[in-house]
Amino acid sequence: MFVERLWRTIQCEEVYLWDEADGWQAKKSLGTYFDFYRNERAHQALGYRTPSEVYAER
């Protein structure tokens, strides 16, 4: 279930918004998005903290 939610988020916030010219550009774009997703995007299920903040608390 987590992977389905993650993929839906990626599709809505990244994949469907940009028309990538090739696979290399898509890979770079997704890498940038995952950095944002881990380090800057607050998640409701995590108490509006980032995954990096939650992981650092362990």
PDB file of N, CA and C in Angstrom:
ATOM      1  N   MET A   1       0.821  -1.179   0.000  1.00  0.00           N
ATOM      2  CA  MET A   1       0.000   0.000   0.000  1.00  0.00           C
ATOM      3  C   MET A   1       0.873   1.253   0.000  1.00  0.00           C
ATOM      4  N   PHE A   2       1.956   1.256   0.762  1.00  0.00           N
ATOM      5  CA  PHE A   2       2.836   2.424   0.800  1.00  0.00           C
ATOM      6  C   PHE A   2       3.378   2.736  -0.587  1.00  0.00           C
ATOM      7  N   VAL A   3       3.811   1.706  -1.298  1.00  0.00           N
ATOM      8  CA  VAL A   3       4.387   1.913  -2.624  1.00  0.00           C
ATOM      9  C   VAL A   3       3.344   2.488  -3.577  1.00  0.00           C
ATOM     10  N   GLU A   4       2.091   2.028  -3.458  1.00  0.00           N
ATOM     11  CA  GLU A   4       1.034   2.569  -4.315  1.00  0.00           C
ATOM     12  C   GLU A   4       0.817   4.054  -4.050  1.00  0.00           C
ATOM     13  N   ARG A   5       0.834   4.447  -2.794  1.00  0.00           N
ATOM     14  CA  ARG A   5       0.665   5.871  -2.466  1.00  0.00           C
ATOM     15  C   ARG A   5       1.845   6.687  -2.965  1.00  0.00           C
ATOM     16  N   LEU A   6       3.039   6.147  -2.765  1.00  0.00           N
ATOM     17  CA  LEU A   6       4.243   6.838  -3.230  1.00  0.00           C
ATOM     18  C   LEU A   6       4.201   7.014  -4.740  1.00  0.00           C
ATOM     19  N   TRP A   7       3.867   5.949  -5.468  1.00  0.00           N
ATOM     20  CA  TRP A   7       3.828   6.047  -6.922  1.00  0.00           C
ATOM     21  C   TRP A   7       2.762   7.043  -7.379  1.00  0.00           C
ATOM     22  N   ARG A   8       1.594   7.044  -6.734  1.00  0.00           N
ATOM     23  CA  ARG A   8       0.550   8.002  -7.101  1.00  0.00           C
ATOM     24  C   ARG A   8       1.036   9.438  -6.879  1.00  0.00           C
ATOM     25  N   THR A   9       1.726   9.675  -5.780  1.00  0.00           N
ATOM     26  CA  THR A   9       2.269  11.005  -5.498  1.00  0.00           C
ATOM     27  C   THR A   9       3.280  11.401  -6.561  1.00  0.00           C
ATOM     28  N   ILE A  10       4.162  10.487  -6.926  1.00  0.00           N
ATOM     29  CA  ILE A  10       5.167  10.775  -7.948  1.00  0.00           C
ATOM     30  C   ILE A  10       4.495  11.089  -9.275  1.00  0.00           C
ATOM     31  N   GLN A  11       3.485  10.322  -9.624  1.00  0.00           N
ATOM     32  CA  GLN A  11       2.779  10.566 -10.879  1.00  0.00           C
ATOM     33  C   GLN A  11       2.134  11.946 -10.887  1.00  0.00           C
ATOM     34  N   CYS A  12       1.431  12.277  -9.822  1.00  0.00           N
ATOM     35  CA  CYS A  12       0.689  13.547  -9.777  1.00  0.00           C
ATOM     36  C   CYS A  12       1.593  14.764  -9.663  1.00  0.00           C
ATOM     37  N   GLU A  13       2.674  14.641  -8.905  1.00  0.00           N
ATOM     38  CA  GLU A  13       3.516  15.809  -8.640  1.00  0.00           C
ATOM     39  C   GLU A  13       4.717  15.934  -9.574  1.00  0.00           C
ATOM     40  N   GLU A  14       5.031  14.897 -10.329  1.00  0.00           N
ATOM     41  CA  GLU A  14       6.226  14.967 -11.163  1.00  0.00           C
ATOM     42  C   GLU A  14       6.003  14.420 -12.576  1.00  0.00           C
ATOM     43  N   VAL A  15       5.654  13.172 -12.696  1.00  0.00           N
ATOM     44  CA  VAL A  15       5.630  12.508 -14.004  1.00  0.00           C
ATOM     45  C   VAL A  15       4.644  13.142 -14.968  1.00  0.00           C
ATOM     46  N   TYR A  16       3.416  13.372 -14.539  1.00  0.00           N
ATOM     47  CA  TYR A  16       2.391  13.886 -15.440  1.00  0.00           C
ATOM     48  C   TYR A  16       2.534  15.378 -15.727  1.00  0.00           C
ATOM     49  N   LEU A  17       3.341  16.073 -14.958  1.00  0.00           N
ATOM     50  CA  LEU A  17       3.484  17.513 -15.144  1.00  0.00           C
ATOM     51  C   LEU A  17       4.528  17.888 -16.195  1.00  0.00           C
ATOM     52  N   TRP A  18       5.482  16.992 -16.443  1.00  0.00           N
ATOM     53  CA  TRP A  18       6.601  17.327 -17.316  1.00  0.00           C
ATOM     54  C   TRP A  18       6.687  16.334 -18.466  1.00  0.00           C
ATOM     55  N   ASP A  19       6.992  16.837 -19.614  1.00  0.00           N
ATOM     56  CA  ASP A  19       7.176  16.013 -20.806  1.00  0.00           C
ATOM     57  C   ASP A  19       8.678  15.788 -21.000  1.00  0.00           C
ATOM     58  N   GLU A  20       9.158  14.685 -20.504  1.00  0.00           N
ATOM     59  CA  GLU A  20      10.595  14.391 -20.581  1.00  0.00           C
ATOM     60  C   GLU A  20      10.975  13.972 -21.998  1.00  0.00           C
ATOM     61  N   ALA A  21      12.113  14.440 -22.470  1.00  0.00           N
ATOM     62  CA  ALA A  21      12.563  14.155 -23.830  1.00  0.00           C
ATOM     63  C   ALA A  21      13.086  12.728 -23.968  1.00  0.00           C
ATOM     64  N   ASP A  22      13.716  12.215 -22.914  1.00  0.00           N
ATOM     65  CA  ASP A  22      14.278  10.870 -22.989  1.00  0.00           C
ATOM     66  C   ASP A  22      14.426  10.283 -21.587  1.00  0.00           C
ATOM     67  N   GLY A  23      14.900   9.076 -21.510  1.00  0.00           N
ATOM     68  CA  GLY A  23      15.045   8.380 -20.236  1.00  0.00           C
ATOM     69  C   GLY A  23      16.054   9.022 -19.306  1.00  0.00           C
ATOM     70  N   TRP A  24      17.118   9.588 -19.868  1.00  0.00           N
ATOM     71  CA  TRP A  24      18.141  10.234 -19.034  1.00  0.00           C
ATOM     72  C   TRP A  24      17.570  11.458 -18.330  1.00  0.00           C
ATOM     73  N   GLN A  25      16.801  12.228 -19.054  1.00  0.00           N
ATOM     74  CA  GLN A  25      16.181  13.422 -18.461  1.00  0.00           C
ATOM     75  C   GLN A  25      15.168  13.020 -17.400  1.00  0.00           C
ATOM     76  N   ALA A  26      14.402  11.961 -17.657  1.00  0.00           N
ATOM     77  CA  ALA A  26      13.423  11.477 -16.672  1.00  0.00           C
ATOM     78  C   ALA A  26      14.127  10.989 -15.412  1.00  0.00           C
ATOM     79  N   LYS A  27      15.245  10.285 -15.574  1.00  0.00           N
ATOM     80  CA  LYS A  27      16.001   9.791 -14.418  1.00  0.00           C
ATOM     81  C   LYS A  27      16.509  10.957 -13.566  1.00  0.00           C
ATOM     82  N   LYS A  28      17.036  11.979 -14.211  1.00  0.00           N
ATOM     83  CA  LYS A  28      17.534  13.158 -13.491  1.00  0.00           C
ATOM     84  C   LYS A  28      16.392  13.865 -12.766  1.00  0.00           C
ATOM     85  N   SER A  29      15.270  14.023 -13.453  1.00  0.00           N
ATOM     86  CA  SER A  29      14.108  14.691 -12.879  1.00  0.00           C
ATOM     87  C   SER A  29      13.576  13.935 -11.663  1.00  0.00           C
ATOM     88  N   LEU A  30      13.479  12.614 -11.785  1.00  0.00           N
ATOM     89  CA  LEU A  30      12.992  11.810 -10.658  1.00  0.00           C
ATOM     90  C   LEU A  30      13.975  11.835  -9.490  1.00  0.00           C
ATOM     91  N   GLY A  31      15.261  11.846  -9.776  1.00  0.00           N
ATOM     92  CA  GLY A  31      16.258  11.947  -8.709  1.00  0.00           C
ATOM     93  C   GLY A  31      16.107  13.237  -7.922  1.00  0.00           C
ATOM     94  N   THR A  32      15.903  14.318  -8.636  1.00  0.00           N
ATOM     95  CA  THR A  32      15.684  15.618  -7.997  1.00  0.00           C
ATOM     96  C   THR A  32      14.409  15.592  -7.162  1.00  0.00           C
ATOM     97  N   TYR A  33      13.362  14.976  -7.713  1.00  0.00           N
ATOM     98  CA  TYR A  33      12.095  14.912  -6.980  1.00  0.00           C
ATOM     99  C   TYR A  33      12.239  14.083  -5.703  1.00  0.00           C
ATOM    100  N   PHE A  34      12.948  12.944  -5.775  1.00  0.00           N
ATOM    101  CA  PHE A  34      13.112  12.116  -4.576  1.00  0.00           C
ATOM    102  C   PHE A  34      13.916  12.838  -3.502  1.00  0.00           C
ATOM    103  N   ASP A  35      14.903  13.649  -3.892  1.00  0.00           N
ATOM    104  CA  ASP A  35      15.618  14.466  -2.903  1.00  0.00           C
ATOM    105  C   ASP A  35      14.650  15.425  -2.218  1.00  0.00           C
ATOM    106  N   PHE A  36      13.797  16.073  -2.999  1.00  0.00           N
ATOM    107  CA  PHE A  36      12.777  16.967  -2.450  1.00  0.00           C
ATOM    108  C   PHE A  36      11.827  16.191  -1.530  1.00  0.00           C
ATOM    109  N   TYR A  37      11.370  15.028  -1.984  1.00  0.00           N
ATOM    110  CA  TYR A  37      10.405  14.213  -1.244  1.00  0.00           C
ATOM    111  C   TYR A  37      10.965  13.808   0.127  1.00  0.00           C
ATOM    112  N   ARG A  38      12.232  13.438   0.178  1.00  0.00           N
ATOM    113  CA  ARG A  38      12.857  13.000   1.427  1.00  0.00           C
ATOM    114  C   ARG A  38      13.219  14.146   2.359  1.00  0.00           C
ATOM    115  N   ASN A  39      13.686  15.245   1.788  1.00  0.00           N
ATOM    116  CA  ASN A  39      14.303  16.281   2.612  1.00  0.00           C
ATOM    117  C   ASN A  39      13.499  17.559   2.810  1.00  0.00           C
ATOM    118  N   GLU A  40      12.496  17.809   1.983  1.00  0.00           N
ATOM    119  CA  GLU A  40      11.776  19.081   2.076  1.00  0.00           C
ATOM    120  C   GLU A  40      10.266  18.943   2.202  1.00  0.00           C
ATOM    121  N   ARG A  41       9.693  17.890   1.652  1.00  0.00           N
ATOM    122  CA  ARG A  41       8.233  17.749   1.609  1.00  0.00           C
ATOM    123  C   ARG A  41       7.714  17.201   2.937  1.00  0.00           C
ATOM    124  N   ALA A  42       6.904  17.991   3.624  1.00  0.00           N
ATOM    125  CA  ALA A  42       6.323  17.541   4.898  1.00  0.00           C
ATOM    126  C   ALA A  42       5.220  16.518   4.620  1.00  0.00           C
ATOM    127  N   HIS A  43       5.135  15.496   5.462  1.00  0.00           N
ATOM    128  CA  HIS A  43       4.173  14.417   5.289  1.00  0.00           C
ATOM    129  C   HIS A  43       3.187  14.412   6.452  1.00  0.00           C
ATOM    130  N   GLN A  44       1.916  14.415   6.141  1.00  0.00           N
ATOM    131  CA  GLN A  44       0.881  14.418   7.168  1.00  0.00           C
ATOM    132  C   GLN A  44       1.005  13.207   8.089  1.00  0.00           C
ATOM    133  N   ALA A  45       1.253  12.042   7.525  1.00  0.00           N
ATOM    134  CA  ALA A  45       1.345  10.814   8.322  1.00  0.00           C
ATOM    135  C   ALA A  45       2.550  10.819   9.261  1.00  0.00           C
ATOM    136  N   LEU A  46       3.506  11.701   9.011  1.00  0.00           N
ATOM    137  CA  LEU A  46       4.701  11.785   9.855  1.00  0.00           C
ATOM    138  C   LEU A  46       4.648  12.996  10.781  1.00  0.00           C
ATOM    139  N   GLY A  47       3.462  13.503  11.019  1.00  0.00           N
ATOM    140  CA  GLY A  47       3.313  14.670  11.879  1.00  0.00           C
ATOM    141  C   GLY A  47       3.867  15.931  11.233  1.00  0.00           C
ATOM    142  N   TYR A  48       3.722  16.037   9.921  1.00  0.00           N
ATOM    143  CA  TYR A  48       4.197  17.176   9.137  1.00  0.00           C
ATOM    144  C   TYR A  48       5.707  17.378   9.261  1.00  0.00           C
ATOM    145  N   ARG A  49       6.393  16.258   9.355  1.00  0.00           N
ATOM    146  CA  ARG A  49       7.859  16.254   9.312  1.00  0.00           C
ATOM    147  C   ARG A  49       8.295  15.575   8.025  1.00  0.00           C
ATOM    148  N   THR A  50       9.549  15.750   7.678  1.00  0.00           N
ATOM    149  CA  THR A  50      10.078  15.092   6.488  1.00  0.00           C
ATOM    150  C   THR A  50      10.545  13.681   6.856  1.00  0.00           C
ATOM    151  N   PRO A  51      10.629  12.781   5.876  1.00  0.00           N
ATOM    152  CA  PRO A  51      11.153  11.451   6.160  1.00  0.00           C
ATOM    153  C   PRO A  51      12.573  11.493   6.722  1.00  0.00           C
ATOM    154  N   SER A  52      13.381  12.424   6.267  1.00  0.00           N
ATOM    155  CA  SER A  52      14.748  12.550   6.788  1.00  0.00           C
ATOM    156  C   SER A  52      14.758  12.898   8.272  1.00  0.00           C
ATOM    157  N   GLU A  53      13.844  13.787   8.684  1.00  0.00           N
ATOM    158  CA  GLU A  53      13.760  14.132  10.112  1.00  0.00           C
ATOM    159  C   GLU A  53      13.351  12.934  10.945  1.00  0.00           C
ATOM    160  N   VAL A  54      12.391  12.176  10.480  1.00  0.00           N
ATOM    161  CA  VAL A  54      11.919  11.009  11.221  1.00  0.00           C
ATOM    162  C   VAL A  54      13.026   9.966  11.301  1.00  0.00           C
ATOM    163  N   TYR A  55      13.719   9.739  10.199  1.00  0.00           N
ATOM    164  CA  TYR A  55      14.789   8.757  10.195  1.00  0.00           C
ATOM    165  C   TYR A  55      15.931   9.162  11.130  1.00  0.00           C
ATOM    166  N   ALA A  56      16.245  10.458  11.175  1.00  0.00           N
ATOM    167  CA  ALA A  56      17.330  10.943  12.028  1.00  0.00           C
ATOM    168  C   ALA A  56      17.013  10.755  13.518  1.00  0.00           C
ATOM    169  N   GLU A  57      15.733  10.688  13.867  1.00  0.00           N
ATOM    170  CA  GLU A  57      15.349  10.513  15.263  1.00  0.00           C
ATOM    171  C   GLU A  57      15.560   9.100  15.764  1.00  0.00           C
ATOM    172  N   ARG A  58      15.732   8.176  14.860  1.00  0.00           N
ATOM    173  CA  ARG A  58      15.912   6.767  15.268  1.00  0.00           C
ATOM    174  C   ARG A  58      17.210   6.541  15.956  1.00  0.00           C
TER     175      ARG A  58
END
